[in-house]
Amino acid sequence: MKSIKLNTIGQTRWWWVVLLVGILLVLGGFAYWFWPEMGYAVASQIFGWLLVLAGVVQLCVAAGPDRPKGWGWWIAGGVIDMFIGFMLVRSVILSEMVFPYFLAIIFIFWGIEAFIAAGTGRRARYWWLGIVNGILLCLIGFFFLEAGWVSDMMMVSFLTSIAFIYWGFTIAIASYEMKPIKE
């Protein structure tokens, strides 16, 4: 009997670009973890530019001739990432004030997206990992909301480094699912 392979991400020949973005995010997270004195403003600027890069990659993947399943989510995520990224790099003062709230919106959006992807891929073997990923992403988002509300810079710095690392690993792992299978 033929097995059914469900893939909500889809396959593209640009999978290596997504892997590169994931690696850059992990490196940025560890750099911020080990050198937090480089400043809150610098972290928001780096994160803003990485969001712009991630948004461009998402739009390129969704607009390609071999666009993946769920390409509408790729477009929505790319537009949201680019909008928030450009808002962060536009003004250092603005980005310092609203940085935790922007990150909260991003991670809660990704958490909801992970829940929906897990629900649509319930025939897959490890569909429940999407639920776990959604819970973790929403928790990170709610922690950013809390950190912004109490204006706790140390908590935001710690969460930022964790967010960079987690987001990078998630994207890097997802890129391997995007690699086309040669038959």
C-alpha atoms as a PDB file:
ATOM      1  CA  MET A   1       0.000   0.000   0.000  1.00  0.00           C
ATOM      2  CA  LYS A   2       1.332   3.430  -0.927  1.00  0.00           C
ATOM      3  CA  SER A   3       2.135   5.616   2.047  1.00  0.00           C
ATOM      4  CA  ILE A   4       0.809   9.158   2.117  1.00  0.00           C
ATOM      5  CA  LYS A   5       3.408  11.838   2.819  1.00  0.00           C
ATOM      6  CA  LEU A   6       1.841  14.972   4.210  1.00  0.00           C
ATOM      7  CA  ASN A   7       4.040  18.031   4.122  1.00  0.00           C
ATOM      8  CA  THR A   8       2.486  21.328   5.167  1.00  0.00           C
ATOM      9  CA  ILE A   9       5.674  23.279   4.454  1.00  0.00           C
ATOM     10  CA  GLY A  10       6.150  22.096   0.890  1.00  0.00           C
ATOM     11  CA  GLN A  11       9.344  21.572  -1.064  1.00  0.00           C
ATOM     12  CA  THR A  12      11.499  24.093  -2.850  1.00  0.00           C
ATOM     13  CA  ARG A  13      14.953  24.281  -4.328  1.00  0.00           C
ATOM     14  CA  TRP A  14      15.606  27.346  -2.105  1.00  0.00           C
ATOM     15  CA  TRP A  15      15.635  25.254   1.082  1.00  0.00           C
ATOM     16  CA  TRP A  16      19.307  26.120   1.666  1.00  0.00           C
ATOM     17  CA  VAL A  17      18.479  29.843   1.955  1.00  0.00           C
ATOM     18  CA  VAL A  18      16.001  29.036   4.723  1.00  0.00           C
ATOM     19  CA  LEU A  19      18.719  26.939   6.399  1.00  0.00           C
ATOM     20  CA  LEU A  20      21.141  29.876   6.152  1.00  0.00           C
ATOM     21  CA  VAL A  21      18.617  32.202   7.827  1.00  0.00           C
ATOM     22  CA  GLY A  22      18.197  29.654  10.635  1.00  0.00           C
ATOM     23  CA  ILE A  23      21.946  29.399  11.169  1.00  0.00           C
ATOM     24  CA  LEU A  24      22.300  33.201  11.246  1.00  0.00           C
ATOM     25  CA  LEU A  25      19.527  33.421  13.837  1.00  0.00           C
ATOM     26  CA  VAL A  26      21.182  30.812  16.068  1.00  0.00           C
ATOM     27  CA  LEU A  27      24.522  32.612  15.814  1.00  0.00           C
ATOM     28  CA  GLY A  28      22.819  35.930  16.617  1.00  0.00           C
ATOM     29  CA  GLY A  29      21.129  34.377  19.643  1.00  0.00           C
ATOM     30  CA  PHE A  30      24.358  32.985  21.046  1.00  0.00           C
ATOM     31  CA  ALA A  31      26.156  36.267  20.391  1.00  0.00           C
ATOM     32  CA  TYR A  32      23.500  38.132  22.344  1.00  0.00           C
ATOM     33  CA  TRP A  33      23.579  35.502  25.099  1.00  0.00           C
ATOM     34  CA  PHE A  34      27.344  35.811  25.614  1.00  0.00           C
ATOM     35  CA  TRP A  35      27.616  39.581  25.045  1.00  0.00           C
ATOM     36  CA  PRO A  36      24.460  41.166  26.481  1.00  0.00           C
ATOM     37  CA  GLU A  37      26.359  44.400  27.119  1.00  0.00           C
ATOM     38  CA  MET A  38      26.282  45.101  23.379  1.00  0.00           C
ATOM     39  CA  GLY A  39      23.013  46.744  24.119  1.00  0.00           C
ATOM     40  CA  TYR A  40      19.303  46.502  23.847  1.00  0.00           C
ATOM     41  CA  ALA A  41      19.190  48.863  20.860  1.00  0.00           C
ATOM     42  CA  VAL A  42      21.673  46.802  18.874  1.00  0.00           C
ATOM     43  CA  ALA A  43      19.667  43.634  19.542  1.00  0.00           C
ATOM     44  CA  SER A  44      16.472  45.230  18.315  1.00  0.00           C
ATOM     45  CA  GLN A  45      18.256  46.469  15.176  1.00  0.00           C
ATOM     46  CA  ILE A  46      19.789  43.053  14.461  1.00  0.00           C
ATOM     47  CA  PHE A  47      16.473  41.354  15.061  1.00  0.00           C
ATOM     48  CA  GLY A  48      14.769  43.882  12.805  1.00  0.00           C
ATOM     49  CA  TRP A  49      17.152  43.216   9.923  1.00  0.00           C
ATOM     50  CA  LEU A  50      16.879  39.457  10.429  1.00  0.00           C
ATOM     51  CA  LEU A  51      13.093  39.798  10.301  1.00  0.00           C
ATOM     52  CA  VAL A  52      13.366  41.726   7.036  1.00  0.00           C
ATOM     53  CA  LEU A  53      15.640  38.988   5.652  1.00  0.00           C
ATOM     54  CA  ALA A  54      13.289  36.246   6.843  1.00  0.00           C
ATOM     55  CA  GLY A  55      10.319  38.085   5.300  1.00  0.00           C
ATOM     56  CA  VAL A  56      12.081  38.403   1.939  1.00  0.00           C
ATOM     57  CA  VAL A  57      12.952  34.696   1.998  1.00  0.00           C
ATOM     58  CA  GLN A  58       9.349  33.776   2.822  1.00  0.00           C
ATOM     59  CA  LEU A  59       8.003  35.922  -0.009  1.00  0.00           C
ATOM     60  CA  CYS A  60      10.540  34.492  -2.470  1.00  0.00           C
ATOM     61  CA  VAL A  61       9.655  30.935  -1.499  1.00  0.00           C
ATOM     62  CA  ALA A  62       5.914  31.652  -1.819  1.00  0.00           C
ATOM     63  CA  ALA A  63       6.281  33.470  -5.158  1.00  0.00           C
ATOM     64  CA  GLY A  64       8.460  30.869  -6.858  1.00  0.00           C
ATOM     65  CA  PRO A  65       7.180  28.574  -9.592  1.00  0.00           C
ATOM     66  CA  ASP A  66       7.521  25.574  -7.269  1.00  0.00           C
ATOM     67  CA  ARG A  67       5.804  27.274  -4.348  1.00  0.00           C
ATOM     68  CA  PRO A  68       5.005  25.017  -1.410  1.00  0.00           C
ATOM     69  CA  LYS A  69       1.662  24.005   0.001  1.00  0.00           C
ATOM     70  CA  GLY A  70       0.379  26.600   2.394  1.00  0.00           C
ATOM     71  CA  TRP A  71       2.002  29.399   0.395  1.00  0.00           C
ATOM     72  CA  GLY A  72      -0.613  31.849   1.692  1.00  0.00           C
ATOM     73  CA  TRP A  73       0.811  31.410   5.191  1.00  0.00           C
ATOM     74  CA  TRP A  74       4.266  32.070   3.767  1.00  0.00           C
ATOM     75  CA  ILE A  75       3.060  35.337   2.221  1.00  0.00           C
ATOM     76  CA  ALA A  76       1.247  36.425   5.389  1.00  0.00           C
ATOM     77  CA  GLY A  77       4.236  35.585   7.553  1.00  0.00           C
ATOM     78  CA  GLY A  78       6.634  37.301   5.165  1.00  0.00           C
ATOM     79  CA  VAL A  79       4.599  40.514   5.064  1.00  0.00           C
ATOM     80  CA  ILE A  80       4.223  40.573   8.852  1.00  0.00           C
ATOM     81  CA  ASP A  81       7.932  39.839   9.398  1.00  0.00           C
ATOM     82  CA  MET A  82       9.004  42.552   6.947  1.00  0.00           C
ATOM     83  CA  PHE A  83       6.601  45.126   8.415  1.00  0.00           C
ATOM     84  CA  ILE A  84       7.774  44.526  11.965  1.00  0.00           C
ATOM     85  CA  GLY A  85      11.406  44.344  10.851  1.00  0.00           C
ATOM     86  CA  PHE A  86      11.215  47.695   9.045  1.00  0.00           C
ATOM     87  CA  MET A  87       9.488  49.265  12.053  1.00  0.00           C
ATOM     88  CA  LEU A  88      12.320  48.066  14.297  1.00  0.00           C
ATOM     89  CA  VAL A  89      15.128  49.375  12.076  1.00  0.00           C
ATOM     90  CA  ARG A  90      13.404  52.695  11.341  1.00  0.00           C
ATOM     91  CA  SER A  91      13.974  54.250  14.744  1.00  0.00           C
ATOM     92  CA  VAL A  92      16.189  53.106  17.616  1.00  0.00           C
ATOM     93  CA  ILE A  93      14.054  54.897  20.209  1.00  0.00           C
ATOM     94  CA  LEU A  94      10.845  53.400  18.833  1.00  0.00           C
ATOM     95  CA  SER A  95      12.378  49.960  18.643  1.00  0.00           C
ATOM     96  CA  GLU A  96      13.565  50.103  22.264  1.00  0.00           C
ATOM     97  CA  MET A  97      10.085  51.042  23.472  1.00  0.00           C
ATOM     98  CA  VAL A  98       8.061  48.530  21.484  1.00  0.00           C
ATOM     99  CA  PHE A  99      10.593  45.741  20.929  1.00  0.00           C
ATOM    100  CA  PRO A 100       9.030  43.281  23.414  1.00  0.00           C
ATOM    101  CA  TYR A 101       5.535  43.878  22.022  1.00  0.00           C
ATOM    102  CA  PHE A 102       6.605  43.322  18.414  1.00  0.00           C
ATOM    103  CA  LEU A 103       8.288  40.092  19.432  1.00  0.00           C
ATOM    104  CA  ALA A 104       5.205  39.036  21.370  1.00  0.00           C
ATOM    105  CA  ILE A 105       3.021  39.522  18.286  1.00  0.00           C
ATOM    106  CA  ILE A 106       5.439  37.557  16.102  1.00  0.00           C
ATOM    107  CA  PHE A 107       5.735  34.603  18.463  1.00  0.00           C
ATOM    108  CA  ILE A 108       2.020  34.389  19.187  1.00  0.00           C
ATOM    109  CA  PHE A 109       1.332  34.464  15.420  1.00  0.00           C
ATOM    110  CA  TRP A 110       3.862  31.679  14.862  1.00  0.00           C
ATOM    111  CA  GLY A 111       2.325  29.690  17.717  1.00  0.00           C
ATOM    112  CA  ILE A 112      -1.140  29.902  16.200  1.00  0.00           C
ATOM    113  CA  GLU A 113       0.325  29.004  12.806  1.00  0.00           C
ATOM    114  CA  ALA A 114       2.002  25.940  14.362  1.00  0.00           C
ATOM    115  CA  PHE A 115      -1.308  24.847  15.925  1.00  0.00           C
ATOM    116  CA  ILE A 116      -3.074  25.104  12.570  1.00  0.00           C
ATOM    117  CA  ALA A 117      -0.268  23.261  10.750  1.00  0.00           C
ATOM    118  CA  ALA A 118      -0.375  20.480  13.343  1.00  0.00           C
ATOM    119  CA  GLY A 119      -4.138  20.190  12.955  1.00  0.00           C
ATOM    120  CA  THR A 120      -3.940  19.895   9.180  1.00  0.00           C
ATOM    121  CA  GLY A 121      -1.159  17.305   9.327  1.00  0.00           C
ATOM    122  CA  ARG A 122      -2.763  14.930  11.830  1.00  0.00           C
ATOM    123  CA  ARG A 123      -2.038  11.904   9.647  1.00  0.00           C
ATOM    124  CA  ALA A 124       1.685  12.575   9.905  1.00  0.00           C
ATOM    125  CA  ARG A 125       3.691  10.526  12.358  1.00  0.00           C
ATOM    126  CA  TYR A 126       4.871  13.365  14.603  1.00  0.00           C
ATOM    127  CA  TRP A 127       1.993  15.810  14.186  1.00  0.00           C
ATOM    128  CA  TRP A 128       1.900  16.427  17.935  1.00  0.00           C
ATOM    129  CA  LEU A 129       5.313  18.130  17.754  1.00  0.00           C
ATOM    130  CA  GLY A 130       3.523  20.999  15.996  1.00  0.00           C
ATOM    131  CA  ILE A 131       1.293  21.346  19.059  1.00  0.00           C
ATOM    132  CA  VAL A 132       4.345  21.392  21.350  1.00  0.00           C
ATOM    133  CA  ASN A 133       6.022  23.961  19.083  1.00  0.00           C
ATOM    134  CA  GLY A 134       2.859  26.094  19.124  1.00  0.00           C
ATOM    135  CA  ILE A 135       2.688  25.996  22.923  1.00  0.00           C
ATOM    136  CA  LEU A 136       6.367  26.976  23.258  1.00  0.00           C
ATOM    137  CA  LEU A 137       6.028  29.813  20.743  1.00  0.00           C
ATOM    138  CA  CYS A 138       2.907  31.192  22.446  1.00  0.00           C
ATOM    139  CA  LEU A 139       4.635  30.968  25.845  1.00  0.00           C
ATOM    140  CA  ILE A 140       7.608  32.927  24.535  1.00  0.00           C
ATOM    141  CA  GLY A 141       5.173  35.506  23.141  1.00  0.00           C
ATOM    142  CA  PHE A 142       3.328  35.855  26.448  1.00  0.00           C
ATOM    143  CA  PHE A 143       6.641  36.168  28.318  1.00  0.00           C
ATOM    144  CA  PHE A 144       7.587  39.032  25.982  1.00  0.00           C
ATOM    145  CA  LEU A 145       4.253  40.709  26.765  1.00  0.00           C
ATOM    146  CA  GLU A 146       4.977  40.388  30.469  1.00  0.00           C
ATOM    147  CA  ALA A 147       8.546  41.656  30.086  1.00  0.00           C
ATOM    148  CA  GLY A 148       7.369  44.699  28.150  1.00  0.00           C
ATOM    149  CA  TRP A 149       4.675  45.507  30.661  1.00  0.00           C
ATOM    150  CA  VAL A 150       7.044  45.488  33.640  1.00  0.00           C
ATOM    151  CA  SER A 151       9.885  47.050  31.581  1.00  0.00           C
ATOM    152  CA  ASP A 152      12.348  44.401  32.717  1.00  0.00           C
ATOM    153  CA  MET A 153      15.363  44.837  30.432  1.00  0.00           C
ATOM    154  CA  MET A 154      17.197  41.753  31.744  1.00  0.00           C
ATOM    155  CA  MET A 155      14.192  39.530  31.089  1.00  0.00           C
ATOM    156  CA  VAL A 156      13.795  40.955  27.593  1.00  0.00           C
ATOM    157  CA  SER A 157      17.518  40.425  26.912  1.00  0.00           C
ATOM    158  CA  PHE A 158      17.364  36.813  28.100  1.00  0.00           C
ATOM    159  CA  LEU A 159      14.161  36.124  26.161  1.00  0.00           C
ATOM    160  CA  THR A 160      15.621  37.730  23.051  1.00  0.00           C
ATOM    161  CA  SER A 161      18.612  35.422  23.049  1.00  0.00           C
ATOM    162  CA  ILE A 162      16.393  32.394  23.697  1.00  0.00           C
ATOM    163  CA  ALA A 163      14.025  33.532  20.936  1.00  0.00           C
ATOM    164  CA  PHE A 164      16.876  33.917  18.425  1.00  0.00           C
ATOM    165  CA  ILE A 165      18.206  30.441  19.234  1.00  0.00           C
ATOM    166  CA  TYR A 166      14.811  28.711  19.265  1.00  0.00           C
ATOM    167  CA  TRP A 167      13.639  30.438  16.107  1.00  0.00           C
ATOM    168  CA  GLY A 168      16.884  29.609  14.314  1.00  0.00           C
ATOM    169  CA  PHE A 169      16.758  25.918  15.215  1.00  0.00           C
ATOM    170  CA  THR A 170      13.099  25.718  14.223  1.00  0.00           C
ATOM    171  CA  ILE A 171      13.762  27.301  10.830  1.00  0.00           C
ATOM    172  CA  ALA A 172      16.880  25.185  10.232  1.00  0.00           C
ATOM    173  CA  ILE A 173      15.005  21.966  10.986  1.00  0.00           C
ATOM    174  CA  ALA A 174      12.069  23.030   8.806  1.00  0.00           C
ATOM    175  CA  SER A 175      14.437  23.739   5.902  1.00  0.00           C
ATOM    176  CA  TYR A 176      15.325  20.057   5.661  1.00  0.00           C
ATOM    177  CA  GLU A 177      11.649  19.229   5.174  1.00  0.00           C
ATOM    178  CA  MET A 178      11.642  21.688   2.282  1.00  0.00           C
ATOM    179  CA  LYS A 179      14.491  19.935   0.446  1.00  0.00           C
ATOM    180  CA  PRO A 180      13.130  18.333  -2.736  1.00  0.00           C
ATOM    181  CA  ILE A 181      13.243  14.548  -2.782  1.00  0.00           C
ATOM    182  CA  LYS A 182      15.028  13.174  -5.838  1.00  0.00           C
ATOM    183  CA  GLU A 183      13.183  10.241  -7.301  1.00  0.00           C
END
